[in-house]
Each structure stands twice: as C-alpha cells, then as structure tokens.
Amino acid sequence: MTTYKLKNPIISFLLVSIFLTSCNGQTSTNQTKNNTNSTSKTEQHPKIVRTQGTQSGNVVCQLLDKDGNLWFSIRGEGVYRYDGISFTNFTIKDGLCNNNVVAIIQDKSGNILLGTNRGICVYDGKTFKKYPVPDTLSITCMLEDREGNLWFGTGVNGIYRYNGKTLDNFLNSNKQEYNLGENYQFILDILQDKNGNIWFSSWNGGGVWRYDGKDFKNFLPSEDYYKANQDKRNFNNPQRTFEISPGTSYSPSQDNITDDMIFSMTEDNLGNIWFATRDHGICCYNGKTFTTFGRNEGFDSRGASAILQDDKNNFWVTTFDSGVWYYDGKTFKNFKENNGLVNNAVMNVLKDKNGNLWFGTKFFGLSRYDGKTFTTFSQNYN
C-alpha cells in the first residue's frame, strides 16, 4: 500500500469514486511525498500517480463511502482511496485480489466490495479476502438490493444474484433477434429504482432490462432503428426477420429507447430513469414514454458515458470525446479542456459530500469541479 500525501496539506478535499474501490483504515507501509500542483497562490493538493507501470489507464470514479472517502480505480493500478488529505493506493501487494478493478460498492455492513476480472474481493477496513463467488467470472458492475442480495453483471455470462447461500444466473440464454444472435447479455450497469425494480443495461445490443421481482422486461429501439442500420453492426444476422434498408431515415420514437447499447443509468429525484447511450445522445424514461436529448435539443455529442443529477437538480453528462455537458432543464452548456477539464474523454462523474463533482477521464485524468473552476488531481499522460 502506497500513500501519496502533502507534506503540509492546507486544504482537505473529499472525493467520490465510481467504478473502483480502495481500502479503509489500513496502515500505510510506504509513504511517498507526491508532486503537488498549485491552482492558486494558496492552494496545494496531492495527485494520484502510477505505481504499477501502466501506460495509459482510465480513471473510474466509483464510490463515496460512509466515512466520506472517495474510491477510484485504474485498470492495472489497483484502487485509490482519497480521505481529503492524501491518496492511498492498494494493489495485490496489500492483499487485493486483482489489480484490474472494474466496480466498487459498499454493502450494508460497511464492507467495500471490489469487482475484478477475477471475481470479487472484500475489504473489511483491515484486510482483503475473497468473496464466495467463482474467480473465473469477470465482473463488470455490482449492486446490493434492498433485501441484501448481491447482483453483479459479467461480460459473457449475463447477470448473477447471490443471496448468501445460492448463486442464480439470469439473461444468459436470451434469444432475441437484435442481439447479434448471442444468447447472453454483456451487462455494464445495474440500478434499483424507487419502486424496487432492478434495471440492467446491455453493451452487446440487448438494450435495457427491468426486473420486477418475477419477470424481466426488455426495452429495445424500434424496428426502424435496425432497418436503418443504426447499430452499425448487423449486416448478416440470420435471426433477423427483416432486411436492412440503406439510406432509411431513423427518428427516435417516444415508445422506444433510442439505442440498444447503454453505458450507464441513473434515476432522478422525480423517479425518471436516464440512459447514457452509445450513439444516440441521452434518453429519459418517465414510466410511459422515452424522451431523447440529442443535437436537436442542444446536446451536441454522439453518445454519453454517465449522467448525474446535482444538489440543485441540474444534470451533468460525461462523454467519450466532447467533455462534460451541463443541463439545467432548458439548455445545455459544454465544458472542455479549454475550461480547465483535464481531458475531453470523460468516463464518469461522482459527487462528494460537499457537492463538488469529480470527473474521471481516459489517459489517467482526474478533475474536480467546485462550481467555478476545475482542478486536476492526477499526473495526466497521453
């Protein structure tokens, strides 16, 4: 475990992380004074640094834990915990199961669960141990539901639910004509809404699924979406009952979700479900109809990676190539590198307990936005 700390820290920052975990309360065996960056004459702060020699790496904001610590993951670099003063890096040397951490949550008992490409690891505040699921599973996302069941998605095996005794598998033998002929779902995100329904987003053409405790309901784009080849993948799918019509126009329908590849989901304060799509902007579902926000509505980006509602009920949308978009319910505003963002390829966003927003980007980038300025908390390498 390596800690990066200011020699004389002036200010304490709290981070929220999505997609990674770190360990709480572990004693540091090595302390390294980190390079600091001054955004003003009075402010200094630490930065995350590489310890495992990876060449690039996406910073994934994963979790704000119950103690106010922020957790981040970087593929190949393990996890980082930020306590407002310093970053602590945890790797396999500290007992972490695998340095490729993809998902981080905190359970009702306060344990930190870390999903990796070799199963799930648990941190109890002192030590790491294996979670009782097969380490042959490559984890993509996790959620503990209100009953205490652990749900987790995988890349090639659909969804699993663990109730403490048995492990059940879902959406691993699904046969539907739009999903490239594949019988499984590549799940990227899991969400439980206010009504208790559990949503799953697919990244291999399966759209989204809603589970009401008994049945799964699938939400897909309209047939015109596929006839117009909007998925740009299925030219010769033998399971299709229709032919692609080159040049066919496609207009999103209020009766259907706008894309069949969904990166992430969020629920707003009114209970609407928002979807960050691969290639068709963002989409909002009010329980009856879908509303699309794309270039015609001022969101000038192909797709999105994450959506977050802030303390003032405004929305922040991250994108893979056009920075961050702010939406106040009427208009969109764009923030990019020329506004201080560390990189325009933004993977996700997290809100800390003080209302600051943290943005994890490609190429080892981490930015904090305090409502006025962006501050870089990473050694950014292209």
Protein backbone atom coordinates (compact mmCIF):
# COMPACT_ATOMS: atom_id res chain seq x y z
CA MET A 1 0.00 0.00 0.00
CA THR A 2 1.39 3.36 -1.01
CA THR A 3 0.19 6.71 0.28
CA TYR A 4 0.68 9.99 -1.57
CA LYS A 5 0.38 12.89 0.84
CA LEU A 6 1.23 16.58 1.01
CA LYS A 7 3.93 17.39 3.49
CA ASN A 8 1.89 20.33 4.78
CA PRO A 9 -1.64 19.95 3.47
CA ILE A 10 -3.56 23.22 3.57
CA ILE A 11 -6.97 22.09 2.46
CA SER A 12 -8.95 18.87 2.79
CA PHE A 13 -10.81 17.55 -0.20
CA LEU A 14 -13.39 14.77 -0.25
CA LEU A 15 -13.68 12.56 -3.34
CA VAL A 16 -16.40 10.30 -4.55
CA SER A 17 -15.40 7.34 -6.72
CA ILE A 18 -17.36 5.33 -9.24
CA PHE A 19 -16.11 2.01 -10.63
CA LEU A 20 -13.29 1.25 -8.17
CA THR A 21 -12.59 0.58 -4.55
CA SER A 22 -9.89 1.16 -2.04
CA CYS A 23 -9.32 0.07 1.48
CA ASN A 24 -10.41 1.94 4.55
CA GLY A 25 -8.27 2.46 7.61
CA GLN A 26 -5.30 0.38 6.53
CA THR A 27 -1.90 1.41 7.84
CA SER A 28 0.48 2.61 5.18
CA THR A 29 3.69 0.65 4.75
CA ASN A 30 5.20 3.15 2.34
CA GLN A 31 4.67 6.88 2.18
CA THR A 32 5.77 8.87 -0.82
CA LYS A 33 5.64 12.64 -0.98
CA ASN A 34 3.74 13.40 -4.14
CA ASN A 35 4.26 16.17 -6.63
CA THR A 36 1.82 19.00 -5.95
CA ASN A 37 0.15 21.38 -8.30
CA SER A 38 -0.90 24.90 -7.37
CA THR A 39 -4.05 26.26 -8.97
CA SER A 40 -3.62 29.49 -6.98
CA LYS A 41 -1.02 31.02 -4.73
CA THR A 42 -2.58 29.47 -1.63
CA GLU A 43 -3.81 26.04 -2.68
CA GLN A 44 -1.83 22.84 -2.94
CA HIS A 45 -3.13 19.31 -3.31
CA PRO A 46 -1.93 15.74 -3.92
CA LYS A 47 -2.26 13.82 -7.16
CA ILE A 48 -2.74 10.19 -8.00
CA VAL A 49 0.38 8.62 -9.50
CA ARG A 50 1.10 5.35 -11.25
CA THR A 51 2.74 2.62 -9.19
CA GLN A 52 2.39 -0.42 -11.47
CA GLY A 53 3.83 0.96 -14.70
CA THR A 54 0.69 1.05 -16.84
CA GLN A 55 0.98 3.19 -19.95
CA SER A 56 -2.44 4.84 -20.06
CA GLY A 57 -5.38 3.83 -17.90
CA ASN A 58 -8.86 5.27 -17.44
CA VAL A 59 -9.65 6.81 -14.08
CA VAL A 60 -13.01 5.49 -12.93
CA CYS A 61 -14.89 7.37 -10.19
CA GLN A 62 -16.51 4.62 -8.17
CA LEU A 63 -17.72 5.31 -4.67
CA LEU A 64 -18.29 7.81 -1.88
CA ASP A 65 -18.20 5.62 1.21
CA LYS A 66 -19.98 6.15 4.54
CA ASP A 67 -16.90 7.82 6.02
CA GLY A 68 -16.67 10.37 3.20
CA ASN A 69 -13.71 8.74 1.46
CA LEU A 70 -13.64 8.63 -2.32
CA TRP A 71 -12.63 5.49 -4.18
CA PHE A 72 -11.18 5.35 -7.70
CA SER A 73 -9.98 2.54 -9.92
CA ILE A 74 -7.48 2.48 -12.73
CA ARG A 75 -7.05 -0.67 -14.79
CA GLY A 76 -3.81 -2.37 -13.84
CA GLU A 77 -3.15 0.08 -10.98
CA GLY A 78 -5.47 -1.35 -8.34
CA VAL A 79 -7.60 1.12 -6.38
CA TYR A 80 -7.10 4.53 -4.78
CA ARG A 81 -8.76 5.90 -1.66
CA TYR A 82 -8.86 9.64 -1.03
CA ASP A 83 -9.57 10.83 2.52
CA GLY A 84 -9.46 14.55 1.75
CA ILE A 85 -5.74 14.79 2.50
CA SER A 86 -3.96 12.02 0.63
CA PHE A 87 -4.43 9.23 -1.88
CA THR A 88 -3.69 5.66 -0.77
CA ASN A 89 -3.08 3.08 -3.47
CA PHE A 90 -3.98 -0.58 -2.81
CA THR A 91 -2.73 -3.39 -5.06
CA ILE A 92 -2.23 -7.15 -4.90
CA LYS A 93 0.76 -6.49 -2.65
CA ASP A 94 -1.72 -5.37 0.02
CA GLY A 95 -3.99 -8.37 -0.48
CA LEU A 96 -6.20 -7.03 -3.26
CA CYS A 97 -7.42 -9.97 -5.37
CA ASN A 98 -6.55 -8.38 -8.71
CA ASN A 99 -5.18 -5.05 -9.93
CA ASN A 100 -7.89 -4.79 -12.60
CA VAL A 101 -10.78 -3.43 -10.53
CA VAL A 102 -13.90 -2.54 -12.52
CA ALA A 103 -16.63 -1.95 -9.92
CA ILE A 104 -16.76 -0.79 -6.28
CA ILE A 105 -19.67 -0.66 -3.85
CA GLN A 106 -20.16 -0.59 -0.09
CA ASP A 107 -22.55 -3.09 1.47
CA LYS A 108 -24.95 -2.54 4.37
CA SER A 109 -22.33 -3.84 6.82
CA GLY A 110 -19.83 -1.24 5.67
CA ASN A 111 -17.57 -3.63 3.77
CA ILE A 112 -16.06 -2.45 0.49
CA LEU A 113 -16.70 -4.88 -2.37
CA LEU A 114 -14.41 -4.73 -5.38
CA GLY A 115 -15.35 -6.40 -8.65
CA THR A 116 -12.39 -7.52 -10.74
CA ASN A 117 -11.77 -9.62 -13.82
CA ARG A 118 -11.07 -12.46 -11.39
CA GLY A 119 -14.14 -12.42 -9.16
CA ILE A 120 -14.96 -10.18 -6.19
CA CYS A 121 -12.74 -9.03 -3.33
CA VAL A 122 -13.96 -7.77 0.08
CA TYR A 123 -12.26 -5.20 2.28
CA ASP A 124 -13.47 -5.00 5.89
CA GLY A 125 -11.38 -1.99 6.84
CA LYS A 126 -8.36 -4.08 7.78
CA THR A 127 -7.82 -6.94 5.36
CA PHE A 128 -8.84 -8.18 1.92
CA LYS A 129 -10.46 -11.56 1.32
CA LYS A 130 -12.21 -13.38 -1.50
CA TYR A 131 -15.98 -13.10 -1.83
CA PRO A 132 -17.68 -16.52 -2.20
CA VAL A 133 -18.30 -16.43 -5.95
CA PRO A 134 -16.18 -18.09 -8.67
CA ASP A 135 -12.99 -16.20 -9.52
CA THR A 136 -13.45 -17.30 -13.13
CA LEU A 137 -16.11 -14.60 -13.53
CA SER A 138 -15.14 -11.24 -14.98
CA ILE A 139 -17.20 -8.66 -13.07
CA THR A 140 -18.49 -5.53 -14.82
CA CYS A 141 -20.84 -3.95 -12.23
CA MET A 142 -22.43 -4.66 -8.82
CA LEU A 143 -25.43 -3.70 -6.72
CA GLU A 144 -26.71 -4.74 -3.30
CA ASP A 145 -30.51 -4.63 -3.37
CA ARG A 146 -32.83 -3.64 -0.52
CA GLU A 147 -33.13 -7.24 0.62
CA GLY A 148 -29.37 -7.62 0.86
CA ASN A 149 -28.91 -9.73 -2.28
CA LEU A 150 -25.78 -9.01 -4.30
CA TRP A 151 -26.35 -8.61 -8.04
CA PHE A 152 -23.40 -8.44 -10.40
CA GLY A 153 -23.01 -8.25 -14.16
CA THR A 154 -20.44 -10.01 -16.30
CA GLY A 155 -19.02 -9.65 -19.77
CA VAL A 156 -20.07 -13.01 -21.20
CA ASN A 157 -22.32 -14.68 -18.61
CA GLY A 158 -25.19 -12.27 -18.10
CA ILE A 159 -26.29 -11.46 -14.53
CA TYR A 160 -25.80 -13.23 -11.21
CA ARG A 161 -27.65 -12.89 -7.90
CA TYR A 162 -26.10 -14.13 -4.65
CA ASN A 163 -28.36 -14.34 -1.58
CA GLY A 164 -25.70 -15.53 0.84
CA LYS A 165 -26.35 -19.19 0.07
CA THR A 166 -27.12 -19.74 -3.60
CA LEU A 167 -25.91 -18.18 -6.83
CA ASP A 168 -28.51 -17.68 -9.58
CA ASN A 169 -27.77 -16.77 -13.19
CA PHE A 170 -30.06 -14.70 -15.45
CA LEU A 171 -30.05 -13.38 -19.03
CA ASN A 172 -27.57 -15.99 -20.12
CA SER A 173 -29.83 -17.87 -22.53
CA ASN A 174 -31.77 -15.00 -24.02
CA LYS A 175 -32.81 -15.44 -27.63
CA GLN A 176 -33.91 -12.32 -29.43
CA GLU A 177 -33.27 -11.25 -32.98
CA TYR A 178 -31.49 -7.96 -32.37
CA ASN A 179 -28.71 -9.17 -30.07
CA LEU A 180 -26.24 -10.31 -32.73
CA GLY A 181 -27.62 -13.81 -32.33
CA GLU A 182 -25.88 -14.07 -28.95
CA ASN A 183 -27.64 -15.81 -26.07
CA TYR A 184 -26.09 -13.76 -23.28
CA GLN A 185 -26.02 -10.14 -22.14
CA PHE A 186 -22.87 -8.06 -21.59
CA ILE A 187 -24.07 -6.03 -18.58
CA LEU A 188 -22.41 -2.68 -17.84
CA ASP A 189 -24.63 -1.14 -15.17
CA ILE A 190 -27.23 -2.11 -12.54
CA LEU A 191 -29.75 0.22 -10.88
CA GLN A 192 -32.56 -0.30 -8.36
CA ASP A 193 -35.27 2.34 -8.70
CA LYS A 194 -37.53 3.86 -6.05
CA ASN A 195 -40.21 1.26 -6.75
CA GLY A 196 -37.80 -1.62 -6.16
CA ASN A 197 -37.40 -2.61 -9.82
CA ILE A 198 -33.87 -3.55 -10.85
CA TRP A 199 -32.56 -2.31 -14.20
CA PHE A 200 -29.70 -3.80 -16.23
CA SER A 201 -28.02 -2.11 -19.18
CA SER A 202 -26.55 -4.16 -22.03
CA TRP A 203 -23.48 -3.32 -24.10
CA ASN A 204 -23.82 -6.02 -26.77
CA GLY A 205 -27.09 -4.98 -28.36
CA GLY A 206 -29.54 -6.03 -25.67
CA GLY A 207 -30.89 -2.58 -24.76
CA VAL A 208 -32.03 -2.47 -21.13
CA TRP A 209 -33.86 -4.94 -18.92
CA ARG A 210 -36.19 -4.28 -15.96
CA TYR A 211 -36.77 -6.93 -13.29
CA ASP A 212 -39.84 -6.55 -11.06
CA GLY A 213 -39.02 -9.48 -8.80
CA LYS A 214 -40.76 -12.01 -11.05
CA ASP A 215 -40.15 -11.24 -14.70
CA PHE A 216 -37.66 -9.46 -16.95
CA LYS A 217 -38.96 -6.88 -19.42
CA ASN A 218 -36.72 -5.90 -22.33
CA PHE A 219 -36.62 -2.37 -23.78
CA LEU A 220 -35.22 -2.08 -27.32
CA PRO A 221 -35.24 0.56 -30.08
CA SER A 222 -37.92 0.48 -32.76
CA GLU A 223 -37.64 -1.79 -35.79
CA ASP A 224 -36.81 1.28 -37.91
CA TYR A 225 -33.64 1.68 -35.85
CA TYR A 226 -32.44 -1.69 -37.13
CA LYS A 227 -33.72 -1.29 -40.67
CA ALA A 228 -31.70 1.94 -40.87
CA ASN A 229 -28.66 0.07 -39.54
CA GLN A 230 -28.25 2.47 -36.62
CA ASP A 231 -26.45 -0.22 -34.65
CA LYS A 232 -23.79 -0.37 -37.41
CA ARG A 233 -23.10 -4.00 -36.53
CA ASN A 234 -25.67 -6.36 -38.01
CA PHE A 235 -25.44 -6.78 -41.75
CA ASN A 236 -25.91 -10.55 -41.92
CA ASN A 237 -27.69 -11.60 -38.78
CA PRO A 238 -29.61 -14.79 -39.73
CA GLN A 239 -32.06 -14.29 -36.86
CA ARG A 240 -33.46 -11.09 -38.33
CA THR A 241 -36.92 -11.22 -39.87
CA PHE A 242 -36.35 -8.07 -41.95
CA GLU A 243 -33.70 -6.63 -44.21
CA ILE A 244 -31.59 -3.55 -43.68
CA SER A 245 -32.64 -0.68 -45.94
CA PRO A 246 -29.57 1.51 -46.67
CA GLY A 247 -30.38 5.20 -46.54
CA THR A 248 -33.51 4.67 -44.45
CA SER A 249 -34.07 7.59 -42.10
CA TYR A 250 -34.47 7.00 -38.40
CA SER A 251 -36.29 9.23 -35.92
CA PRO A 252 -36.44 8.26 -32.23
CA SER A 253 -39.87 7.20 -31.04
CA GLN A 254 -41.40 8.01 -27.66
CA ASP A 255 -42.44 4.38 -27.47
CA ASN A 256 -38.90 3.00 -27.65
CA ILE A 257 -35.48 3.56 -26.15
CA THR A 258 -33.14 5.29 -28.62
CA ASP A 259 -30.17 2.87 -28.65
CA ASP A 260 -29.55 -0.80 -27.91
CA MET A 261 -26.14 -0.19 -26.28
CA ILE A 262 -26.41 1.57 -22.92
CA PHE A 263 -23.31 2.55 -21.00
CA SER A 264 -24.92 3.60 -17.70
CA MET A 265 -28.18 4.61 -16.00
CA THR A 266 -29.37 6.93 -13.23
CA GLU A 267 -32.66 7.78 -11.54
CA ASP A 268 -33.56 11.43 -10.93
CA ASN A 269 -35.41 12.95 -7.99
CA LEU A 270 -38.76 12.52 -9.75
CA GLY A 271 -38.24 8.81 -10.44
CA ASN A 272 -37.38 9.16 -14.13
CA ILE A 273 -34.72 6.77 -15.45
CA TRP A 274 -31.97 8.33 -17.60
CA PHE A 275 -29.86 6.32 -20.03
CA ALA A 276 -26.40 7.20 -21.37
CA THR A 277 -26.39 5.66 -24.84
CA ARG A 278 -23.56 4.69 -27.17
CA ASP A 279 -24.54 6.68 -30.25
CA HIS A 280 -27.88 8.45 -29.74
CA GLY A 281 -27.46 11.07 -27.04
CA ILE A 282 -29.20 10.63 -23.71
CA CYS A 283 -32.68 9.25 -23.12
CA CYS A 284 -35.20 9.74 -20.30
CA TYR A 285 -37.99 7.29 -19.40
CA ASN A 286 -40.88 8.51 -17.22
CA GLY A 287 -42.53 5.12 -16.91
CA LYS A 288 -44.60 5.57 -20.07
CA THR A 289 -42.60 7.31 -22.78
CA PHE A 290 -38.99 7.92 -23.80
CA THR A 291 -37.65 11.43 -24.42
CA THR A 292 -34.47 11.88 -26.43
CA PHE A 293 -31.89 14.62 -25.91
CA GLY A 294 -29.51 14.90 -28.85
CA ARG A 295 -28.13 17.53 -31.20
CA ASN A 296 -31.60 18.93 -31.92
CA GLU A 297 -32.02 19.61 -28.21
CA GLY A 298 -28.57 21.15 -27.78
CA PHE A 299 -26.62 18.07 -26.66
CA ASP A 300 -24.04 18.11 -29.42
CA SER A 301 -22.44 14.72 -28.86
CA ARG A 302 -22.99 11.27 -30.31
CA GLY A 303 -23.44 9.49 -27.03
CA ALA A 304 -22.71 9.63 -23.32
CA SER A 305 -20.89 7.64 -20.66
CA ALA A 306 -22.59 8.82 -17.44
CA ILE A 307 -25.34 11.10 -16.12
CA LEU A 308 -25.57 12.68 -12.66
CA GLN A 309 -28.12 14.99 -11.02
CA ASP A 310 -26.53 17.56 -8.71
CA ASP A 311 -27.81 19.16 -5.49
CA LYS A 312 -29.66 21.83 -7.48
CA ASN A 313 -31.41 19.20 -9.64
CA ASN A 314 -29.34 20.06 -12.70
CA PHE A 315 -27.77 17.31 -14.80
CA TRP A 316 -24.16 16.62 -15.73
CA VAL A 317 -23.42 14.35 -18.67
CA THR A 318 -19.99 12.94 -19.47
CA THR A 319 -18.97 11.95 -22.99
CA PHE A 320 -16.21 9.95 -24.66
CA ASP A 321 -14.92 12.78 -26.83
CA SER A 322 -16.68 16.09 -26.12
CA GLY A 323 -16.04 16.73 -22.46
CA VAL A 324 -18.83 17.40 -19.97
CA TRP A 325 -22.30 18.80 -20.62
CA TYR A 326 -24.42 20.71 -18.08
CA TYR A 327 -28.21 20.69 -18.45
CA ASP A 328 -30.47 22.93 -16.37
CA GLY A 329 -33.72 21.60 -17.79
CA LYS A 330 -33.76 24.14 -20.62
CA THR A 331 -30.34 24.46 -22.22
CA PHE A 332 -27.05 22.59 -22.45
CA LYS A 333 -23.63 24.06 -21.69
CA ASN A 334 -20.35 22.38 -22.62
CA PHE A 335 -17.11 22.21 -20.60
CA LYS A 336 -13.87 21.04 -22.20
CA GLU A 337 -10.11 21.17 -21.77
CA ASN A 338 -10.07 24.90 -22.55
CA ASN A 339 -12.28 25.36 -19.47
CA GLY A 340 -9.81 23.50 -17.26
CA LEU A 341 -11.04 19.91 -17.64
CA VAL A 342 -8.05 17.58 -17.68
CA ASN A 343 -9.20 15.62 -20.76
CA ASN A 344 -12.21 15.66 -23.11
CA ALA A 345 -12.64 11.87 -22.95
CA VAL A 346 -14.61 11.68 -19.70
CA MET A 347 -15.66 8.27 -18.41
CA ASN A 348 -17.78 9.11 -15.38
CA VAL A 349 -18.78 11.60 -12.70
CA LEU A 350 -19.17 11.43 -8.92
CA LYS A 351 -20.45 13.90 -6.33
CA ASP A 352 -18.75 14.25 -2.95
CA LYS A 353 -20.48 15.17 0.30
CA ASN A 354 -19.71 18.86 -0.21
CA GLY A 355 -21.35 18.92 -3.64
CA ASN A 356 -18.11 19.02 -5.62
CA LEU A 357 -18.06 16.95 -8.80
CA TRP A 358 -15.25 14.59 -9.72
CA PHE A 359 -14.62 13.55 -13.32
CA GLY A 360 -12.50 10.53 -14.26
CA THR A 361 -11.10 10.57 -17.78
CA LYS A 362 -9.05 8.48 -20.16
CA PHE A 363 -5.27 8.73 -20.07
CA PHE A 364 -5.01 8.88 -16.27
CA GLY A 365 -7.02 12.06 -15.76
CA LEU A 366 -8.94 13.21 -12.67
CA SER A 367 -10.63 16.61 -12.34
CA ARG A 368 -12.62 18.19 -9.52
CA TYR A 369 -15.19 20.92 -10.22
CA ASP A 370 -16.26 23.15 -7.32
CA GLY A 371 -18.89 25.11 -9.23
CA LYS A 372 -16.41 27.67 -10.54
CA THR A 373 -13.15 26.03 -11.56
CA PHE A 374 -11.68 22.65 -12.49
CA THR A 375 -8.68 21.38 -10.54
CA THR A 376 -6.51 18.50 -11.74
CA PHE A 377 -5.77 15.72 -9.23
CA SER A 378 -3.73 13.43 -11.49
CA GLN A 379 -0.48 13.14 -13.33
CA ASN A 380 -2.05 13.11 -16.78
CA TYR A 381 -0.28 11.28 -19.58
CA ASN A 382 -1.50 10.97 -23.15
